N, C-alpha and C. Protein backbone atom coordinates (compact mmCIF):
# COMPACT_ATOMS: atom_id res chain seq x y z
N MET A 1 -8.72 -19.92 3.35
CA MET A 1 -7.74 -19.98 4.10
C MET A 1 -8.80 -19.05 5.44
N GLN A 2 -8.69 -19.57 6.63
CA GLN A 2 -9.35 -19.37 8.43
C GLN A 2 -8.03 -18.59 8.92
N ALA A 3 -8.67 -17.32 9.25
CA ALA A 3 -7.61 -16.55 9.89
C ALA A 3 -6.63 -17.19 10.94
N GLN A 4 -5.91 -16.39 11.51
CA GLN A 4 -4.99 -17.14 11.94
C GLN A 4 -4.34 -16.90 13.22
N GLY A 5 -5.06 -15.67 13.53
CA GLY A 5 -4.47 -14.63 14.50
C GLY A 5 -3.50 -13.62 13.96
N ARG A 6 -2.25 -14.81 14.81
CA ARG A 6 -0.82 -13.97 14.51
C ARG A 6 0.02 -15.59 13.83
N LEU A 7 0.92 -14.33 13.28
CA LEU A 7 1.86 -15.43 12.61
C LEU A 7 2.87 -15.56 13.93
N ILE A 8 2.43 -16.68 14.59
CA ILE A 8 3.88 -16.82 15.35
C ILE A 8 4.15 -18.25 15.45
N VAL A 9 5.66 -18.39 15.13
CA VAL A 9 6.40 -19.78 14.79
C VAL A 9 6.69 -20.45 16.12
N ASP A 10 6.89 -21.69 15.90
CA ASP A 10 7.21 -22.34 17.02
C ASP A 10 8.37 -22.97 16.77
N VAL A 11 9.47 -22.66 17.47
CA VAL A 11 11.19 -22.77 16.98
C VAL A 11 11.56 -24.13 17.70
N ALA A 12 10.97 -24.33 18.81
CA ALA A 12 11.33 -25.33 19.36
C ALA A 12 10.65 -27.11 18.61
N ARG A 13 9.94 -26.77 18.05
CA ARG A 13 9.21 -27.78 17.00
C ARG A 13 9.36 -27.91 15.29
N LEU A 14 10.32 -26.85 14.51
CA LEU A 14 10.42 -26.08 13.71
C LEU A 14 11.16 -27.44 12.83
N ASP A 15 10.71 -27.96 11.62
CA ASP A 15 11.38 -28.82 11.76
C ASP A 15 12.73 -28.74 11.13
N LYS A 16 13.83 -29.30 10.64
CA LYS A 16 14.95 -28.76 10.92
C LYS A 16 14.87 -28.89 9.49
N GLY A 17 14.73 -28.43 8.59
CA GLY A 17 15.10 -28.00 7.00
C GLY A 17 14.43 -27.13 6.72
N GLY A 18 13.12 -26.66 7.11
CA GLY A 18 12.46 -26.03 7.50
C GLY A 18 10.84 -25.87 7.04
N GLU A 19 9.82 -24.88 7.14
CA GLU A 19 7.90 -25.40 6.67
C GLU A 19 8.16 -24.26 6.17
N TRP A 20 6.74 -24.81 5.15
CA TRP A 20 6.03 -23.12 5.23
C TRP A 20 5.23 -22.75 6.20
N TYR A 21 4.82 -21.10 6.27
CA TYR A 21 3.78 -20.79 7.25
C TYR A 21 2.58 -20.09 6.02
N ARG A 22 1.77 -20.26 6.26
CA ARG A 22 0.90 -20.13 4.89
C ARG A 22 -0.90 -19.98 5.85
N GLY A 23 -1.56 -18.63 5.65
CA GLY A 23 -2.34 -18.15 6.52
C GLY A 23 -2.77 -16.74 6.19
N GLU A 24 -3.41 -16.89 7.09
CA GLU A 24 -3.88 -15.02 7.14
C GLU A 24 -4.09 -15.18 8.56
N THR A 25 -3.70 -13.26 8.53
CA THR A 25 -3.91 -13.11 10.17
C THR A 25 -5.63 -12.54 9.79
N VAL A 26 -6.09 -12.13 11.29
CA VAL A 26 -7.26 -11.61 11.90
C VAL A 26 -7.08 -10.30 11.15
N PRO A 27 -7.90 -9.52 11.03
CA PRO A 27 -8.35 -8.38 10.19
C PRO A 27 -7.70 -6.90 10.47
N ASP A 28 -8.20 -7.29 12.20
CA ASP A 28 -7.55 -6.25 12.91
C ASP A 28 -6.17 -5.93 12.95
N LEU A 29 -5.43 -6.61 12.26
CA LEU A 29 -4.02 -6.11 13.18
C LEU A 29 -3.11 -5.28 12.16
N LEU A 30 -4.15 -4.57 10.76
CA LEU A 30 -2.60 -3.90 10.15
C LEU A 30 -2.97 -2.23 11.10
N GLU A 31 -4.16 -2.14 11.26
CA GLU A 31 -4.28 -1.16 12.35
C GLU A 31 -3.57 0.57 11.50
N LEU A 32 -3.96 0.49 10.55
CA LEU A 32 -4.13 1.83 10.24
C LEU A 32 -4.67 2.66 10.80
N GLY A 33 -5.22 3.09 11.90
CA GLY A 33 -5.90 3.92 12.70
C GLY A 33 -7.25 4.44 11.78
N GLU A 34 -7.81 5.41 12.13
CA GLU A 34 -9.04 5.94 11.20
C GLU A 34 -8.71 6.28 10.10
N SER A 35 -7.89 5.57 9.49
CA SER A 35 -7.80 5.98 8.08
C SER A 35 -8.93 5.91 7.36
N GLU A 36 -9.57 6.50 6.65
CA GLU A 36 -10.79 7.19 5.86
C GLU A 36 -10.36 7.32 4.38
N PHE A 37 -9.22 6.90 3.85
CA PHE A 37 -8.70 6.69 2.55
C PHE A 37 -8.52 5.24 2.18
N VAL A 38 -7.14 4.87 3.91
CA VAL A 38 -6.81 3.16 2.54
C VAL A 38 -8.13 2.59 4.16
N MET A 39 -8.50 1.18 3.64
CA MET A 39 -9.47 0.43 5.01
C MET A 39 -9.00 -0.97 3.95
N PRO A 40 -8.55 -1.99 4.80
CA PRO A 40 -8.42 -3.41 5.72
C PRO A 40 -9.47 -4.03 5.08
N VAL A 41 -9.25 -5.05 4.25
CA VAL A 41 -10.25 -5.54 3.59
C VAL A 41 -10.00 -7.17 4.08
N GLY A 42 -10.55 -8.18 5.25
CA GLY A 42 -9.65 -9.40 5.61
C GLY A 42 -7.84 -8.81 6.42
N GLY A 43 -7.69 -10.25 6.53
CA GLY A 43 -6.51 -10.04 7.25
C GLY A 43 -5.13 -10.03 5.84
N MET A 44 -4.06 -9.99 6.67
CA MET A 44 -2.75 -10.22 6.15
C MET A 44 -2.75 -11.37 5.47
N ALA A 45 -2.64 -11.84 4.67
CA ALA A 45 -2.01 -13.56 3.80
C ALA A 45 -0.77 -13.13 3.88
N TYR A 46 -0.21 -14.46 3.99
CA TYR A 46 1.21 -14.96 3.95
C TYR A 46 1.42 -16.67 3.38
N ASP A 47 2.33 -16.10 2.44
CA ASP A 47 3.15 -17.56 2.44
C ASP A 47 4.85 -17.83 2.88
N ILE A 48 4.97 -18.40 3.78
CA ILE A 48 6.60 -17.94 3.66
C ILE A 48 7.24 -18.91 3.88
N TRP A 49 8.05 -18.93 3.83
CA TRP A 49 9.76 -20.20 3.92
C TRP A 49 10.44 -20.18 5.57
N VAL A 50 9.85 -20.68 6.21
CA VAL A 50 10.72 -20.67 8.01
C VAL A 50 11.61 -21.78 7.88
N GLU A 51 13.39 -20.74 8.34
CA GLU A 51 13.55 -21.74 8.64
C GLU A 51 15.04 -21.54 9.21
N VAL A 52 15.98 -22.15 10.63
CA VAL A 52 17.01 -21.84 11.13
C VAL A 52 17.88 -22.13 11.36
N ILE A 53 19.24 -20.78 11.08
CA ILE A 53 19.91 -20.64 10.39
C ILE A 53 20.69 -20.06 10.92
N GLY A 54 21.80 -21.13 11.49
CA GLY A 54 22.35 -20.88 12.39
C GLY A 54 22.03 -20.13 14.09
N ASP A 55 22.17 -18.48 13.95
CA ASP A 55 20.86 -18.43 15.78
C ASP A 55 20.31 -17.34 15.08
N GLN A 56 19.66 -17.67 13.51
CA GLN A 56 18.78 -16.57 13.02
C GLN A 56 18.00 -17.81 12.59
N LEU A 57 17.07 -16.71 13.12
CA LEU A 57 15.47 -17.61 12.26
C LEU A 57 15.31 -16.70 10.77
N LEU A 58 15.18 -17.56 10.01
CA LEU A 58 15.59 -16.47 8.23
C LEU A 58 13.65 -17.14 7.81
N ALA A 59 13.19 -16.10 7.76
CA ALA A 59 11.55 -16.23 6.61
C ALA A 59 11.48 -15.06 5.34
N ARG A 60 11.21 -16.14 4.16
CA ARG A 60 11.25 -15.26 3.18
C ARG A 60 9.82 -16.29 2.81
N GLY A 61 9.63 -15.31 1.70
CA GLY A 61 8.05 -15.22 1.17
C GLY A 61 7.78 -14.29 0.46
N SER A 62 6.15 -14.58 0.61
CA SER A 62 5.49 -13.37 0.18
C SER A 62 4.09 -12.73 1.66
N VAL A 63 3.54 -12.05 1.35
CA VAL A 63 2.65 -11.09 1.97
C VAL A 63 1.49 -10.74 1.27
N ARG A 64 0.55 -10.62 1.81
CA ARG A 64 -0.63 -9.89 0.50
C ARG A 64 -1.81 -9.33 1.97
N GLN A 65 -2.45 -8.27 0.93
CA GLN A 65 -3.17 -6.98 1.92
C GLN A 65 -4.25 -6.77 0.53
N SER A 66 -5.06 -6.67 1.31
CA SER A 66 -6.41 -6.35 0.51
C SER A 66 -7.07 -5.07 1.10
N LEU A 67 -7.75 -4.24 -0.23
CA LEU A 67 -7.30 -3.38 0.05
C LEU A 67 -8.79 -2.22 -0.34
N THR A 68 -9.46 -1.08 0.33
CA THR A 68 -10.08 -0.12 0.17
C THR A 68 -9.39 1.24 -0.06
N CYS A 69 -9.95 1.51 -1.43
CA CYS A 69 -8.83 2.96 -0.97
C CYS A 69 -9.84 4.04 -1.74
N VAL A 70 -9.25 5.59 -1.44
CA VAL A 70 -10.06 6.42 -1.64
C VAL A 70 -8.57 7.00 -2.83
N CYS A 71 -9.50 6.90 -4.43
CA CYS A 71 -8.61 7.39 -5.26
C CYS A 71 -8.12 9.50 -4.77
N SER A 72 -6.81 9.57 -5.54
CA SER A 72 -6.35 11.10 -4.38
C SER A 72 -6.82 11.94 -5.72
N ARG A 73 -7.01 10.90 -7.16
CA ARG A 73 -7.46 11.85 -8.48
C ARG A 73 -8.66 12.39 -7.96
N CYS A 74 -9.92 11.37 -8.46
CA CYS A 74 -11.21 11.49 -8.28
C CYS A 74 -11.54 11.42 -7.51
N ALA A 75 -11.10 10.95 -5.71
CA ALA A 75 -12.29 10.32 -4.82
C ALA A 75 -12.89 9.36 -4.61
N ASP A 76 -13.14 8.04 -5.33
CA ASP A 76 -13.87 7.54 -5.68
C ASP A 76 -13.22 6.53 -5.04
N ASN A 77 -13.52 5.79 -4.75
CA ASN A 77 -13.60 4.17 -3.84
C ASN A 77 -12.83 3.06 -5.16
N PHE A 78 -11.70 2.20 -4.85
CA PHE A 78 -11.92 1.40 -5.80
C PHE A 78 -11.10 -0.11 -4.39
N ALA A 79 -10.94 -1.35 -5.27
CA ALA A 79 -10.17 -2.21 -4.64
C ALA A 79 -9.16 -2.65 -4.91
N THR A 80 -8.42 -2.40 -4.31
CA THR A 80 -6.43 -3.47 -4.63
C THR A 80 -6.26 -3.86 -3.85
N THR A 81 -5.16 -4.92 -4.33
CA THR A 81 -4.01 -5.46 -3.07
C THR A 81 -2.74 -5.33 -3.76
N VAL A 82 -1.65 -4.78 -2.52
CA VAL A 82 -0.76 -4.30 -1.70
C VAL A 82 -0.16 -5.54 -1.50
N SER A 83 0.95 -6.03 -2.15
CA SER A 83 1.50 -7.01 -1.46
C SER A 83 3.51 -7.15 -2.03
N ASP A 84 4.08 -7.72 -1.21
CA ASP A 84 5.42 -7.97 -1.01
C ASP A 84 5.75 -8.82 -1.58
N GLU A 85 6.39 -9.25 -3.14
CA GLU A 85 6.73 -10.89 -2.98
C GLU A 85 7.98 -11.34 -2.61
N GLU A 86 8.09 -10.46 -2.02
CA GLU A 86 9.92 -10.80 -1.70
C GLU A 86 10.76 -10.39 -0.21
N PHE A 87 9.39 -10.85 0.54
CA PHE A 87 8.87 -10.50 2.24
C PHE A 87 10.58 -11.27 1.94
N CYS A 88 11.41 -10.79 3.25
CA CYS A 88 12.83 -11.40 3.54
C CYS A 88 12.71 -11.13 5.64
N CYS A 89 12.60 -11.36 5.98
CA CYS A 89 13.79 -11.36 7.98
C CYS A 89 14.12 -11.92 8.21
N ALA A 90 14.73 -11.77 8.98
CA ALA A 90 15.59 -12.76 10.11
C ALA A 90 15.29 -12.34 11.70
N THR A 91 15.77 -13.31 12.19
CA THR A 91 15.67 -12.68 13.91
C THR A 91 16.30 -13.35 14.54
N GLU A 92 16.94 -12.58 15.03
CA GLU A 92 17.94 -14.03 16.23
C GLU A 92 17.11 -15.15 17.54
N ILE A 93 17.73 -16.01 17.18
CA ILE A 93 16.84 -17.03 18.79
C ILE A 93 18.33 -17.56 19.60
N ASN A 94 17.38 -17.60 20.50
CA ASN A 94 18.49 -18.59 21.41
C ASN A 94 17.39 -19.44 21.93
N GLU A 95 18.52 -20.34 22.86
CA GLU A 95 17.73 -20.96 23.46
C GLU A 95 16.22 -20.94 24.04
N GLN A 96 16.14 -19.74 24.72
CA GLN A 96 14.74 -18.98 25.81
C GLN A 96 13.96 -19.02 24.37
N ASN A 97 13.56 -18.98 23.42
CA ASN A 97 12.77 -18.26 22.28
C ASN A 97 12.56 -19.58 21.55
N GLU A 98 11.50 -20.05 22.17
CA GLU A 98 10.37 -21.28 21.77
C GLU A 98 9.55 -20.97 20.90
N PHE A 99 8.93 -19.96 20.92
CA PHE A 99 7.90 -19.19 19.92
C PHE A 99 9.05 -17.58 19.33
N MET A 100 8.20 -17.86 18.31
CA MET A 100 8.54 -15.68 17.33
C MET A 100 7.65 -15.75 17.11
N ASP A 101 7.50 -14.28 17.17
CA ASP A 101 6.20 -13.52 17.37
C ASP A 101 5.97 -12.89 15.73
N LEU A 102 5.96 -12.61 14.34
CA LEU A 102 6.93 -12.29 13.02
C LEU A 102 5.40 -11.43 12.29
N THR A 103 4.12 -11.45 13.38
CA THR A 103 3.22 -10.45 13.11
C THR A 103 4.33 -8.96 12.21
N GLY A 104 5.06 -8.64 13.38
CA GLY A 104 5.15 -7.26 12.96
C GLY A 104 5.37 -6.63 12.18
N GLU A 105 6.61 -7.85 11.28
CA GLU A 105 7.87 -7.72 10.60
C GLU A 105 6.41 -7.91 9.22
N VAL A 106 5.46 -8.44 9.36
CA VAL A 106 4.39 -8.93 8.17
C VAL A 106 3.88 -7.33 8.00
N ARG A 107 3.35 -6.95 9.51
CA ARG A 107 2.76 -5.24 9.26
C ARG A 107 3.61 -4.60 8.31
N GLU A 108 4.90 -4.50 8.93
CA GLU A 108 5.86 -3.51 8.50
C GLU A 108 5.89 -4.05 6.83
N ALA A 109 6.15 -5.33 6.33
CA ALA A 109 5.97 -4.77 4.86
C ALA A 109 4.81 -4.60 3.19
N ILE A 110 3.55 -5.07 4.63
CA ILE A 110 2.63 -4.41 4.01
C ILE A 110 2.64 -3.00 3.64
N ILE A 111 3.32 -2.23 5.41
CA ILE A 111 2.99 -1.11 5.23
C ILE A 111 3.43 -0.14 4.43
N LEU A 112 4.69 -0.50 3.72
CA LEU A 112 5.89 -0.36 2.88
C LEU A 112 5.40 -0.60 2.21
N ALA A 113 4.63 -1.26 1.51
CA ALA A 113 3.73 -1.57 0.01
C ALA A 113 2.72 -0.89 -0.28
N LEU A 114 2.10 -0.49 0.47
CA LEU A 114 1.86 0.87 0.47
C LEU A 114 1.62 1.63 0.09
N PRO A 115 0.78 2.04 -1.30
CA PRO A 115 1.10 3.46 -2.41
C PRO A 115 1.00 5.25 -1.46
N GLY A 116 1.52 5.92 -1.69
CA GLY A 116 1.72 7.16 -1.49
C GLY A 116 0.74 7.31 -1.29
N TYR A 117 -0.39 7.62 -2.96
CA TYR A 117 -1.23 8.74 -3.79
C TYR A 117 -1.79 7.06 -3.96
N PRO A 118 -3.25 6.85 -3.72
CA PRO A 118 -2.77 5.11 -4.06
C PRO A 118 -4.16 6.44 -5.64
N VAL A 119 -4.43 5.70 -6.85
CA VAL A 119 -5.23 5.91 -7.59
C VAL A 119 -5.87 5.01 -9.01
N CYS A 120 -6.77 4.77 -8.65
CA CYS A 120 -8.88 3.70 -8.85
C CYS A 120 -7.72 3.17 -10.59
N ASP A 121 -7.33 4.57 -10.86
CA ASP A 121 -5.85 3.53 -12.67
C ASP A 121 -5.21 5.26 -12.73
N GLU A 122 -4.15 4.05 -13.24
CA GLU A 122 -3.26 4.83 -14.03
C GLU A 122 -3.59 6.33 -15.31
N ALA A 123 -5.16 6.43 -16.03
CA ALA A 123 -5.32 7.31 -17.23
C ALA A 123 -6.57 7.44 -16.34
N CYS A 124 -6.55 7.61 -14.86
CA CYS A 124 -7.66 8.44 -13.96
C CYS A 124 -7.21 10.33 -14.40
N ARG A 125 -8.25 10.33 -14.98
CA ARG A 125 -8.66 12.43 -15.25
C ARG A 125 -8.56 12.71 -13.62
N GLY A 126 -8.97 12.15 -12.97
CA GLY A 126 -9.65 13.27 -11.75
C GLY A 126 -10.29 14.18 -11.62
N LEU A 127 -10.98 15.33 -11.22
CA LEU A 127 -11.52 16.47 -10.82
C LEU A 127 -11.41 17.09 -11.27
N CYS A 128 -12.25 17.77 -11.87
CA CYS A 128 -12.21 19.47 -12.75
C CYS A 128 -12.24 20.01 -11.85
N MET A 129 -10.75 21.44 -11.51
CA MET A 129 -10.55 22.14 -10.92
C MET A 129 -11.43 23.26 -10.51
N ALA A 130 -12.29 23.81 -11.79
CA ALA A 130 -13.65 24.43 -11.43
C ALA A 130 -14.75 24.13 -10.23
N CYS A 131 -14.59 23.18 -11.45
CA CYS A 131 -16.34 22.31 -10.94
C CYS A 131 -16.56 21.63 -9.50
N GLY A 132 -15.35 20.72 -9.57
CA GLY A 132 -15.50 18.99 -9.16
C GLY A 132 -16.04 18.43 -10.05
N SER A 133 -15.94 18.07 -10.51
CA SER A 133 -16.90 17.49 -11.80
C SER A 133 -16.27 16.41 -11.84
N ASN A 134 -16.34 14.97 -11.51
CA ASN A 134 -15.23 13.32 -12.39
C ASN A 134 -15.96 13.48 -13.10
N LEU A 135 -14.11 13.80 -13.86
CA LEU A 135 -13.88 13.88 -15.40
C LEU A 135 -13.63 12.49 -15.30
N ASN A 136 -13.42 11.45 -15.27
CA ASN A 136 -13.95 10.01 -15.55
C ASN A 136 -15.45 9.66 -16.38
N LYS A 137 -16.12 9.97 -15.77
CA LYS A 137 -17.51 9.95 -15.70
C LYS A 137 -18.38 10.75 -16.73
N GLY A 138 -17.31 11.83 -17.67
CA GLY A 138 -17.88 12.89 -18.43
C GLY A 138 -17.09 14.04 -18.47
N ALA A 139 -17.04 14.89 -19.26
CA ALA A 139 -16.66 16.26 -19.26
C ALA A 139 -18.03 17.21 -18.91
N CYS A 140 -16.86 17.83 -17.55
CA CYS A 140 -18.22 18.82 -16.88
C CYS A 140 -18.85 20.16 -17.61
N LYS A 141 -19.40 20.45 -17.09
CA LYS A 141 -19.82 21.45 -17.61
C LYS A 141 -20.22 23.01 -17.32
N CYS A 142 -19.11 23.19 -16.49
CA CYS A 142 -18.58 24.34 -16.10
C CYS A 142 -18.07 24.80 -16.95
N ARG A 143 -17.79 26.77 -16.94
CA ARG A 143 -17.28 27.20 -18.26
C ARG A 143 -16.17 26.62 -18.12
N GLN A 144 -15.10 26.94 -19.09
CA GLN A 144 -13.92 26.28 -19.24
C GLN A 144 -13.08 27.02 -19.60
N THR A 145 -12.02 27.93 -19.16
CA THR A 145 -11.11 28.97 -19.75
C THR A 145 -10.02 27.93 -20.37
N ASP A 146 -8.94 28.63 -21.02
CA ASP A 146 -7.86 28.20 -21.58
C ASP A 146 -6.52 28.72 -20.36
N LYS A 147 -6.82 30.01 -20.03
CA LYS A 147 -5.88 30.76 -19.30
C LYS A 147 -6.28 30.48 -17.49
N ASP A 148 -5.75 30.16 -16.77
CA ASP A 148 -5.75 30.28 -15.24
C ASP A 148 -5.73 32.65 -15.43
N GLY A 149 -6.88 32.05 -14.79
CA GLY A 149 -7.24 33.99 -14.69
C GLY A 149 -6.22 34.28 -13.42
N ARG A 150 -5.84 34.36 -12.19
CA ARG A 150 -4.62 34.31 -11.69
C ARG A 150 -3.39 34.70 -11.76
N TRP A 151 -3.12 34.71 -13.30
CA TRP A 151 -1.33 34.76 -13.69
C TRP A 151 -1.76 36.18 -14.70
N SER A 152 -3.23 36.54 -14.97
CA SER A 152 -3.72 37.54 -15.54
C SER A 152 -2.66 38.94 -15.71
N ALA A 153 -2.38 39.22 -13.91
CA ALA A 153 -1.48 40.23 -13.93
C ALA A 153 -0.29 40.34 -14.78
N LEU A 154 0.38 39.11 -14.08
CA LEU A 154 1.56 38.54 -14.70
C LEU A 154 1.67 38.96 -16.65
N ASP A 155 0.50 38.56 -17.10
CA ASP A 155 0.92 38.70 -18.88
C ASP A 155 0.71 39.97 -18.96
N ALA A 156 0.78 40.86 -18.79
CA ALA A 156 1.12 42.60 -19.06
C ALA A 156 2.71 42.59 -18.27
N LEU A 157 3.58 42.39 -17.96
CA LEU A 157 4.15 42.35 -17.31
C LEU A 157 5.41 41.54 -18.81
N LYS A 158 5.35 41.08 -19.08
CA LYS A 158 6.26 40.14 -19.96
C LYS A 158 5.91 40.87 -21.79
N PRO A 159 7.49 41.39 -21.62
CA PRO A 159 7.51 41.89 -22.98
C PRO A 159 7.32 41.06 -23.68
N ASP A 160 7.36 41.18 -25.25
CA ASP A 160 6.83 40.63 -26.57
C ASP A 160 7.92 40.44 -26.77
N GLY A 161 8.10 39.13 -27.99
CA GLY A 161 9.25 38.58 -28.32
C GLY A 161 9.96 37.14 -27.01
N ILE A 162 9.64 37.22 -26.11
CA ILE A 162 10.61 37.04 -24.80
C ILE A 162 9.91 35.37 -25.54
N LEU A 163 9.34 34.49 -25.11
CA LEU A 163 8.68 33.18 -25.76
C LEU A 163 8.51 33.02 -27.09
N GLU A 164 9.58 33.08 -28.33
CA GLU A 164 9.12 33.02 -29.41
C GLU A 164 10.04 31.44 -29.22
N ASP A 165 9.45 30.57 -30.27
CA ASP A 165 9.92 29.35 -31.00
C ASP A 165 11.26 29.80 -31.19
N ARG A 166 12.57 28.56 -30.75
CA ARG A 166 13.87 28.94 -31.29
C ARG A 166 13.89 27.91 -32.28
């Protein structure tokens, strides 16, 4: 699939029954800034049915973006794809609108689909809180304790028998 730049719809030449728009934008249109945690790989891919209904340009279909992310648990890089399989937008048009740029709507759909805390795998074990070793690669070699020592002063205040099984 060749990169198309922006997703521009030629409203004046659009088929009366609607048309498929399929392609990929150029890679830098997602504009995530200097993010080191989520990096786009290639452009935003779209597969959208576009039609004029009354005074509205209706676009429905799917949009996708391949990404390289940093796992929020183990800090390893991993590849993923985010998508909106039910992309839909409506834009008002008039006689002066020969062309409509839907790139912003596609970009917004991709940004809304981005995970808040990306993980490489749901079973990711993350990093050891004591030594920082990646627990997915094996057990760490630091001294592990069952209790968190920061709470030991409160243990002395606890009266016996409060935490009995009922």
